[in-house]
């Protein structure tokens, strides 16, 4: 039996967040033709150990763990390896770590497609990630914004919800919107989240204060299907299994 896919995300208290992860995981599994389970570092269930037990119960002795993370900051470098070690020790199943979603050319294309489909023709773009306190990871997200601008021919401003950034949060969105007739917000979110809701719920007030018309895309969810499937295949290829 081939390896199963286990996605590992941070988790969220948002009522729709887990459903988005389930949809993405199922779509990637269908693309790959494998069994799949979703798992979470916190807030949601199962955790990675629980998902590994489910994989073992379905007859899998190997699973590829794809972290649904855009940056290599604390969660990717500390929490994910710890969760994998704990799940291996508890279940005995072989867990193959895959690269996370990252911020490479494949993600730029996903975001550029969102801009082409969703954004009004003359709108400038705000790329809205969750954010990070890691300087190197934050700089890479700024580079992602520049790459998105080059791919779409649009002005792109990166406004993290939290963490490092020249401008952040709702105040940052308002600052980026000033002087613009129209802006379109592209969330760098895998699924729904409370930080994203905090921003979208403020758009009406920001429009009133700035005069800019604000539109926005939905979280990426199944737009990330091919990236997740690629990370799964790349991890097995590195082991010489495909």
C-alpha atoms as a PDB file:
ATOM      1  CA  UNK A   1       0.000   0.000   0.000  1.00  0.00           C
ATOM      2  CA  UNK A   2       1.312   3.447  -0.900  1.00  0.00           C
ATOM      3  CA  UNK A   3       1.831   6.122   1.736  1.00  0.00           C
ATOM      4  CA  UNK A   4      -1.085   8.076   3.146  1.00  0.00           C
ATOM      5  CA  UNK A   5      -1.228  11.862   3.140  1.00  0.00           C
ATOM      6  CA  UNK A   6      -1.507  13.668   6.470  1.00  0.00           C
ATOM      7  CA  UNK A   7      -1.845  17.437   6.384  1.00  0.00           C
ATOM      8  CA  UNK A   8      -0.726  19.257   9.514  1.00  0.00           C
ATOM      9  CA  UNK A   9      -2.015  22.765  10.114  1.00  0.00           C
ATOM     10  CA  UNK A  10      -1.823  25.148  13.035  1.00  0.00           C
ATOM     11  CA  UNK A  11      -5.499  24.926  13.917  1.00  0.00           C
ATOM     12  CA  UNK A  12      -7.982  27.688  14.654  1.00  0.00           C
ATOM     13  CA  UNK A  13     -10.910  28.598  16.881  1.00  0.00           C
ATOM     14  CA  UNK A  14     -12.758  29.819  13.784  1.00  0.00           C
ATOM     15  CA  UNK A  15     -15.907  27.772  13.237  1.00  0.00           C
ATOM     16  CA  UNK A  16     -15.211  27.212   9.512  1.00  0.00           C
ATOM     17  CA  UNK A  17     -11.450  26.747   9.640  1.00  0.00           C
ATOM     18  CA  UNK A  18     -11.351  22.977  10.027  1.00  0.00           C
ATOM     19  CA  UNK A  19     -13.857  22.449   7.230  1.00  0.00           C
ATOM     20  CA  UNK A  20     -11.536  24.322   4.863  1.00  0.00           C
ATOM     21  CA  UNK A  21      -8.599  22.117   5.840  1.00  0.00           C
ATOM     22  CA  UNK A  22     -10.734  19.009   5.352  1.00  0.00           C
ATOM     23  CA  UNK A  23     -11.697  20.170   1.868  1.00  0.00           C
ATOM     24  CA  UNK A  24      -8.075  20.853   0.894  1.00  0.00           C
ATOM     25  CA  UNK A  25      -6.892  17.518   2.285  1.00  0.00           C
ATOM     26  CA  UNK A  26      -9.627  15.606   0.457  1.00  0.00           C
ATOM     27  CA  UNK A  27      -8.880  17.404  -2.823  1.00  0.00           C
ATOM     28  CA  UNK A  28      -5.157  16.645  -2.598  1.00  0.00           C
ATOM     29  CA  UNK A  29      -5.907  13.005  -1.735  1.00  0.00           C
ATOM     30  CA  UNK A  30      -8.140  12.704  -4.780  1.00  0.00           C
ATOM     31  CA  UNK A  31      -5.407  14.173  -6.985  1.00  0.00           C
ATOM     32  CA  UNK A  32      -2.855  11.720  -5.588  1.00  0.00           C
ATOM     33  CA  UNK A  33      -5.152   8.697  -5.356  1.00  0.00           C
ATOM     34  CA  UNK A  34      -4.230   8.009  -1.716  1.00  0.00           C
ATOM     35  CA  UNK A  35      -5.925   7.939   1.656  1.00  0.00           C
ATOM     36  CA  UNK A  36      -5.645  11.128   3.685  1.00  0.00           C
ATOM     37  CA  UNK A  37      -6.186  12.576   7.141  1.00  0.00           C
ATOM     38  CA  UNK A  38      -6.057  16.153   8.415  1.00  0.00           C
ATOM     39  CA  UNK A  39      -4.318  17.001  11.703  1.00  0.00           C
ATOM     40  CA  UNK A  40      -3.668  20.071  13.848  1.00  0.00           C
ATOM     41  CA  UNK A  41      -1.102  21.477  16.254  1.00  0.00           C
ATOM     42  CA  UNK A  42      -3.788  22.995  18.477  1.00  0.00           C
ATOM     43  CA  UNK A  43      -7.460  24.005  18.781  1.00  0.00           C
ATOM     44  CA  UNK A  44      -8.768  21.223  16.495  1.00  0.00           C
ATOM     45  CA  UNK A  45      -8.660  17.420  16.460  1.00  0.00           C
ATOM     46  CA  UNK A  46      -7.117  15.066  15.645  1.00  0.00           C
ATOM     47  CA  UNK A  47      -3.549  15.980  16.467  1.00  0.00           C
ATOM     48  CA  UNK A  48      -0.808  14.334  14.424  1.00  0.00           C
ATOM     49  CA  UNK A  49      -0.643  11.312  16.722  1.00  0.00           C
ATOM     50  CA  UNK A  50      -4.382  10.798  16.330  1.00  0.00           C
ATOM     51  CA  UNK A  51      -4.163  11.107  12.549  1.00  0.00           C
ATOM     52  CA  UNK A  52      -1.258   8.626  12.446  1.00  0.00           C
ATOM     53  CA  UNK A  53      -3.363   6.163  14.423  1.00  0.00           C
ATOM     54  CA  UNK A  54      -6.173   6.576  11.894  1.00  0.00           C
ATOM     55  CA  UNK A  55      -3.722   5.928   9.049  1.00  0.00           C
ATOM     56  CA  UNK A  56      -2.433   2.788  10.782  1.00  0.00           C
ATOM     57  CA  UNK A  57      -5.991   1.570  11.356  1.00  0.00           C
ATOM     58  CA  UNK A  58      -6.605   1.864   7.610  1.00  0.00           C
ATOM     59  CA  UNK A  59      -3.601  -0.348   6.910  1.00  0.00           C
ATOM     60  CA  UNK A  60      -0.923   2.248   6.177  1.00  0.00           C
ATOM     61  CA  UNK A  61       2.555   1.792   7.607  1.00  0.00           C
ATOM     62  CA  UNK A  62       3.840   5.047   6.068  1.00  0.00           C
ATOM     63  CA  UNK A  63       2.388   8.537   5.814  1.00  0.00           C
ATOM     64  CA  UNK A  64       3.742  11.772   4.381  1.00  0.00           C
ATOM     65  CA  UNK A  65       3.168  14.781   6.623  1.00  0.00           C
ATOM     66  CA  UNK A  66       2.634  18.020   4.685  1.00  0.00           C
ATOM     67  CA  UNK A  67       2.664  21.096   6.958  1.00  0.00           C
ATOM     68  CA  UNK A  68       0.184  23.686   5.735  1.00  0.00           C
ATOM     69  CA  UNK A  69       2.566  26.523   6.562  1.00  0.00           C
ATOM     70  CA  UNK A  70       3.830  29.293   4.300  1.00  0.00           C
ATOM     71  CA  UNK A  71       6.939  30.177   6.325  1.00  0.00           C
ATOM     72  CA  UNK A  72       9.778  28.373   8.080  1.00  0.00           C
ATOM     73  CA  UNK A  73       9.388  30.081  11.421  1.00  0.00           C
ATOM     74  CA  UNK A  74       8.728  28.683  14.905  1.00  0.00           C
ATOM     75  CA  UNK A  75       5.866  26.345  14.014  1.00  0.00           C
ATOM     76  CA  UNK A  76       7.760  24.814  11.087  1.00  0.00           C
ATOM     77  CA  UNK A  77      11.108  24.454  12.838  1.00  0.00           C
ATOM     78  CA  UNK A  78       9.990  23.516  16.370  1.00  0.00           C
ATOM     79  CA  UNK A  79       6.336  22.469  16.639  1.00  0.00           C
ATOM     80  CA  UNK A  80       6.132  20.328  13.500  1.00  0.00           C
ATOM     81  CA  UNK A  81       9.274  18.219  14.183  1.00  0.00           C
ATOM     82  CA  UNK A  82       8.156  17.735  17.798  1.00  0.00           C
ATOM     83  CA  UNK A  83       4.708  16.582  16.679  1.00  0.00           C
ATOM     84  CA  UNK A  84       6.239  14.150  14.172  1.00  0.00           C
ATOM     85  CA  UNK A  85       8.594  12.698  16.788  1.00  0.00           C
ATOM     86  CA  UNK A  86       5.746  12.254  19.266  1.00  0.00           C
ATOM     87  CA  UNK A  87       3.481  10.610  16.699  1.00  0.00           C
ATOM     88  CA  UNK A  88       6.211   8.213  15.581  1.00  0.00           C
ATOM     89  CA  UNK A  89       6.918   7.187  19.171  1.00  0.00           C
ATOM     90  CA  UNK A  90       3.246   6.684  19.978  1.00  0.00           C
ATOM     91  CA  UNK A  91       2.164   4.804  16.853  1.00  0.00           C
ATOM     92  CA  UNK A  92       5.212   3.174  15.224  1.00  0.00           C
ATOM     93  CA  UNK A  93       4.037   4.359  11.787  1.00  0.00           C
ATOM     94  CA  UNK A  94       6.740   5.784   9.523  1.00  0.00           C
ATOM     95  CA  UNK A  95       6.098   9.502   9.113  1.00  0.00           C
ATOM     96  CA  UNK A  96       7.883  11.190   6.214  1.00  0.00           C
ATOM     97  CA  UNK A  97       8.276  14.964   6.684  1.00  0.00           C
ATOM     98  CA  UNK A  98       7.477  16.984   3.565  1.00  0.00           C
ATOM     99  CA  UNK A  99       8.241  20.612   2.852  1.00  0.00           C
ATOM    100  CA  UNK A 100       5.558  23.108   3.774  1.00  0.00           C
ATOM    101  CA  UNK A 101       3.562  25.183   1.327  1.00  0.00           C
ATOM    102  CA  UNK A 102       6.384  27.731   1.168  1.00  0.00           C
ATOM    103  CA  UNK A 103       6.411  30.915  -0.882  1.00  0.00           C
ATOM    104  CA  UNK A 104       7.848  29.741  -4.184  1.00  0.00           C
ATOM    105  CA  UNK A 105       6.855  30.167  -7.805  1.00  0.00           C
ATOM    106  CA  UNK A 106       3.942  27.732  -7.454  1.00  0.00           C
ATOM    107  CA  UNK A 107       2.378  29.884  -4.733  1.00  0.00           C
ATOM    108  CA  UNK A 108       3.006  33.051  -6.753  1.00  0.00           C
ATOM    109  CA  UNK A 109       0.993  31.503  -9.588  1.00  0.00           C
ATOM    110  CA  UNK A 110      -1.859  30.574  -7.239  1.00  0.00           C
ATOM    111  CA  UNK A 111      -1.992  34.139  -5.918  1.00  0.00           C
ATOM    112  CA  UNK A 112      -1.648  35.660  -9.388  1.00  0.00           C
ATOM    113  CA  UNK A 113      -4.610  33.593 -10.552  1.00  0.00           C
ATOM    114  CA  UNK A 114      -6.632  34.972  -7.666  1.00  0.00           C
ATOM    115  CA  UNK A 115      -5.699  38.500  -8.672  1.00  0.00           C
ATOM    116  CA  UNK A 116      -6.606  37.883 -12.313  1.00  0.00           C
ATOM    117  CA  UNK A 117      -9.970  36.328 -11.435  1.00  0.00           C
ATOM    118  CA  UNK A 118     -11.065  38.342  -8.386  1.00  0.00           C
ATOM    119  CA  UNK A 119      -9.482  41.794  -8.443  1.00  0.00           C
ATOM    120  CA  UNK A 120     -11.046  44.741 -10.269  1.00  0.00           C
ATOM    121  CA  UNK A 121      -8.901  45.791 -13.224  1.00  0.00           C
ATOM    122  CA  UNK A 122      -7.530  49.007 -11.741  1.00  0.00           C
ATOM    123  CA  UNK A 123      -7.255  47.895  -8.098  1.00  0.00           C
ATOM    124  CA  UNK A 124      -3.961  47.889  -6.259  1.00  0.00           C
ATOM    125  CA  UNK A 125      -3.323  44.714  -4.255  1.00  0.00           C
ATOM    126  CA  UNK A 126      -2.847  44.144  -0.546  1.00  0.00           C
ATOM    127  CA  UNK A 127      -1.314  40.747   0.254  1.00  0.00           C
ATOM    128  CA  UNK A 128      -2.534  39.910   3.760  1.00  0.00           C
ATOM    129  CA  UNK A 129      -0.605  37.114   5.534  1.00  0.00           C
ATOM    130  CA  UNK A 130      -1.074  35.994   9.131  1.00  0.00           C
ATOM    131  CA  UNK A 131       2.395  37.387   9.883  1.00  0.00           C
ATOM    132  CA  UNK A 132       5.419  36.245  11.860  1.00  0.00           C
ATOM    133  CA  UNK A 133       7.855  37.550  14.455  1.00  0.00           C
ATOM    134  CA  UNK A 134      10.729  35.928  12.536  1.00  0.00           C
ATOM    135  CA  UNK A 135      12.612  38.617  10.585  1.00  0.00           C
ATOM    136  CA  UNK A 136      13.850  36.256   7.878  1.00  0.00           C
ATOM    137  CA  UNK A 137      10.407  34.760   7.293  1.00  0.00           C
ATOM    138  CA  UNK A 138       8.849  38.237   7.204  1.00  0.00           C
ATOM    139  CA  UNK A 139      11.401  39.353   4.604  1.00  0.00           C
ATOM    140  CA  UNK A 140      10.527  36.355   2.421  1.00  0.00           C
ATOM    141  CA  UNK A 141       6.879  37.354   2.511  1.00  0.00           C
ATOM    142  CA  UNK A 142       7.846  40.843   1.360  1.00  0.00           C
ATOM    143  CA  UNK A 143       9.689  39.157  -1.512  1.00  0.00           C
ATOM    144  CA  UNK A 144       6.557  37.151  -2.267  1.00  0.00           C
ATOM    145  CA  UNK A 145       4.633  40.398  -2.580  1.00  0.00           C
ATOM    146  CA  UNK A 146       7.224  41.735  -5.016  1.00  0.00           C
ATOM    147  CA  UNK A 147       7.025  38.530  -7.061  1.00  0.00           C
ATOM    148  CA  UNK A 148       3.232  38.781  -7.145  1.00  0.00           C
ATOM    149  CA  UNK A 149       3.507  42.358  -8.356  1.00  0.00           C
ATOM    150  CA  UNK A 150       5.878  41.300 -11.138  1.00  0.00           C
ATOM    151  CA  UNK A 151       3.570  38.441 -12.154  1.00  0.00           C
ATOM    152  CA  UNK A 152       0.439  40.589 -12.303  1.00  0.00           C
ATOM    153  CA  UNK A 153       1.700  44.051 -13.211  1.00  0.00           C
ATOM    154  CA  UNK A 154      -0.085  45.412 -10.119  1.00  0.00           C
ATOM    155  CA  UNK A 155       1.076  47.478  -7.200  1.00  0.00           C
ATOM    156  CA  UNK A 156       1.280  45.025  -4.266  1.00  0.00           C
ATOM    157  CA  UNK A 157       1.638  46.015  -0.616  1.00  0.00           C
ATOM    158  CA  UNK A 158       2.255  43.331   2.005  1.00  0.00           C
ATOM    159  CA  UNK A 159       0.300  44.013   5.193  1.00  0.00           C
ATOM    160  CA  UNK A 160       0.740  41.236   7.794  1.00  0.00           C
ATOM    161  CA  UNK A 161      -2.066  40.768  10.286  1.00  0.00           C
ATOM    162  CA  UNK A 162       0.485  40.496  13.087  1.00  0.00           C
ATOM    163  CA  UNK A 163       4.247  40.391  13.674  1.00  0.00           C
ATOM    164  CA  UNK A 164       6.972  42.062  11.634  1.00  0.00           C
ATOM    165  CA  UNK A 165       6.140  44.559   8.928  1.00  0.00           C
ATOM    166  CA  UNK A 166       6.374  48.208   8.027  1.00  0.00           C
ATOM    167  CA  UNK A 167       2.583  48.402   8.375  1.00  0.00           C
ATOM    168  CA  UNK A 168       0.423  45.730   9.995  1.00  0.00           C
ATOM    169  CA  UNK A 169      -3.137  44.850  10.895  1.00  0.00           C
ATOM    170  CA  UNK A 170      -6.217  46.924  10.174  1.00  0.00           C
ATOM    171  CA  UNK A 171      -4.225  50.113  10.599  1.00  0.00           C
ATOM    172  CA  UNK A 172      -1.840  48.889   7.920  1.00  0.00           C
ATOM    173  CA  UNK A 173      -4.691  48.118   5.540  1.00  0.00           C
ATOM    174  CA  UNK A 174      -6.044  51.623   6.114  1.00  0.00           C
ATOM    175  CA  UNK A 175      -2.626  53.156   5.475  1.00  0.00           C
ATOM    176  CA  UNK A 176      -2.193  51.153   2.255  1.00  0.00           C
ATOM    177  CA  UNK A 177      -5.680  52.158   1.093  1.00  0.00           C
ATOM    178  CA  UNK A 178      -5.176  55.905   1.554  1.00  0.00           C
ATOM    179  CA  UNK A 179      -4.805  57.686  -1.760  1.00  0.00           C
ATOM    180  CA  UNK A 180      -6.023  54.635  -3.692  1.00  0.00           C
ATOM    181  CA  UNK A 181      -9.397  54.658  -5.470  1.00  0.00           C
ATOM    182  CA  UNK A 182      -9.641  50.877  -5.224  1.00  0.00           C
ATOM    183  CA  UNK A 183      -7.761  48.106  -3.403  1.00  0.00           C
ATOM    184  CA  UNK A 184      -8.201  44.358  -3.426  1.00  0.00           C
ATOM    185  CA  UNK A 185      -7.090  42.256  -0.458  1.00  0.00           C
ATOM    186  CA  UNK A 186      -5.684  38.800  -1.196  1.00  0.00           C
ATOM    187  CA  UNK A 187      -5.443  36.766   2.025  1.00  0.00           C
ATOM    188  CA  UNK A 188      -2.406  34.539   2.418  1.00  0.00           C
ATOM    189  CA  UNK A 189      -4.557  32.218   4.533  1.00  0.00           C
ATOM    190  CA  UNK A 190      -5.045  28.514   3.935  1.00  0.00           C
ATOM    191  CA  UNK A 191      -8.536  28.631   5.419  1.00  0.00           C
ATOM    192  CA  UNK A 192     -10.851  30.917   7.369  1.00  0.00           C
ATOM    193  CA  UNK A 193      -9.387  32.533  10.464  1.00  0.00           C
ATOM    194  CA  UNK A 194     -10.216  34.993  13.205  1.00  0.00           C
ATOM    195  CA  UNK A 195      -7.472  37.395  12.100  1.00  0.00           C
ATOM    196  CA  UNK A 196      -8.940  37.453   8.604  1.00  0.00           C
ATOM    197  CA  UNK A 197     -12.427  38.101   9.977  1.00  0.00           C
ATOM    198  CA  UNK A 198     -11.061  40.967  12.053  1.00  0.00           C
ATOM    199  CA  UNK A 199      -9.829  42.601   8.855  1.00  0.00           C
ATOM    200  CA  UNK A 200     -12.845  41.957   6.623  1.00  0.00           C
ATOM    201  CA  UNK A 201     -15.252  43.172   9.296  1.00  0.00           C
ATOM    202  CA  UNK A 202     -13.379  46.495   9.358  1.00  0.00           C
ATOM    203  CA  UNK A 203     -13.406  47.098   5.612  1.00  0.00           C
ATOM    204  CA  UNK A 204     -16.579  49.208   5.682  1.00  0.00           C
ATOM    205  CA  UNK A 205     -15.129  51.612   8.240  1.00  0.00           C
ATOM    206  CA  UNK A 206     -11.807  51.759   6.403  1.00  0.00           C
ATOM    207  CA  UNK A 207     -13.635  52.589   3.174  1.00  0.00           C
ATOM    208  CA  UNK A 208     -15.494  55.394   4.949  1.00  0.00           C
ATOM    209  CA  UNK A 209     -12.258  56.872   6.332  1.00  0.00           C
ATOM    210  CA  UNK A 210     -10.155  56.548   3.175  1.00  0.00           C
ATOM    211  CA  UNK A 211     -12.598  56.809   0.300  1.00  0.00           C
ATOM    212  CA  UNK A 212     -11.054  53.700  -1.247  1.00  0.00           C
ATOM    213  CA  UNK A 213     -13.306  50.890  -2.462  1.00  0.00           C
ATOM    214  CA  UNK A 214     -12.128  47.622  -0.869  1.00  0.00           C
ATOM    215  CA  UNK A 215     -12.795  44.166  -2.258  1.00  0.00           C
ATOM    216  CA  UNK A 216     -11.244  40.886  -1.182  1.00  0.00           C
ATOM    217  CA  UNK A 217     -10.678  37.262  -2.112  1.00  0.00           C
ATOM    218  CA  UNK A 218     -11.588  34.252  -0.012  1.00  0.00           C
ATOM    219  CA  UNK A 219      -8.985  32.066   1.740  1.00  0.00           C
ATOM    220  CA  UNK A 220      -6.993  29.884  -0.649  1.00  0.00           C
ATOM    221  CA  UNK A 221      -8.285  26.447   0.500  1.00  0.00           C
ATOM    222  CA  UNK A 222      -8.495  24.131  -2.546  1.00  0.00           C
ATOM    223  CA  UNK A 223      -6.450  26.493  -4.724  1.00  0.00           C
ATOM    224  CA  UNK A 224      -3.532  24.918  -2.838  1.00  0.00           C
ATOM    225  CA  UNK A 225      -4.406  21.363  -3.915  1.00  0.00           C
ATOM    226  CA  UNK A 226      -1.632  20.971  -6.476  1.00  0.00           C
ATOM    227  CA  UNK A 227       0.982  22.400  -4.099  1.00  0.00           C
ATOM    228  CA  UNK A 228       0.037  19.926  -1.361  1.00  0.00           C
ATOM    229  CA  UNK A 229       0.087  17.064  -3.853  1.00  0.00           C
ATOM    230  CA  UNK A 230       3.501  18.175  -5.117  1.00  0.00           C
ATOM    231  CA  UNK A 231       4.956  18.328  -1.606  1.00  0.00           C
ATOM    232  CA  UNK A 232       3.726  14.768  -0.988  1.00  0.00           C
ATOM    233  CA  UNK A 233       5.289  13.460  -4.203  1.00  0.00           C
ATOM    234  CA  UNK A 234       8.548  15.365  -3.688  1.00  0.00           C
ATOM    235  CA  UNK A 235       8.959  13.875  -0.195  1.00  0.00           C
ATOM    236  CA  UNK A 236       8.577  10.319  -1.502  1.00  0.00           C
ATOM    237  CA  UNK A 237      10.809  11.032  -4.482  1.00  0.00           C
ATOM    238  CA  UNK A 238      13.591  12.160  -2.152  1.00  0.00           C
ATOM    239  CA  UNK A 239      13.313   8.800  -0.403  1.00  0.00           C
ATOM    240  CA  UNK A 240      13.504   7.009  -3.756  1.00  0.00           C
ATOM    241  CA  UNK A 241       9.997   5.604  -3.405  1.00  0.00           C
ATOM    242  CA  UNK A 242       8.523   7.085  -6.584  1.00  0.00           C
END
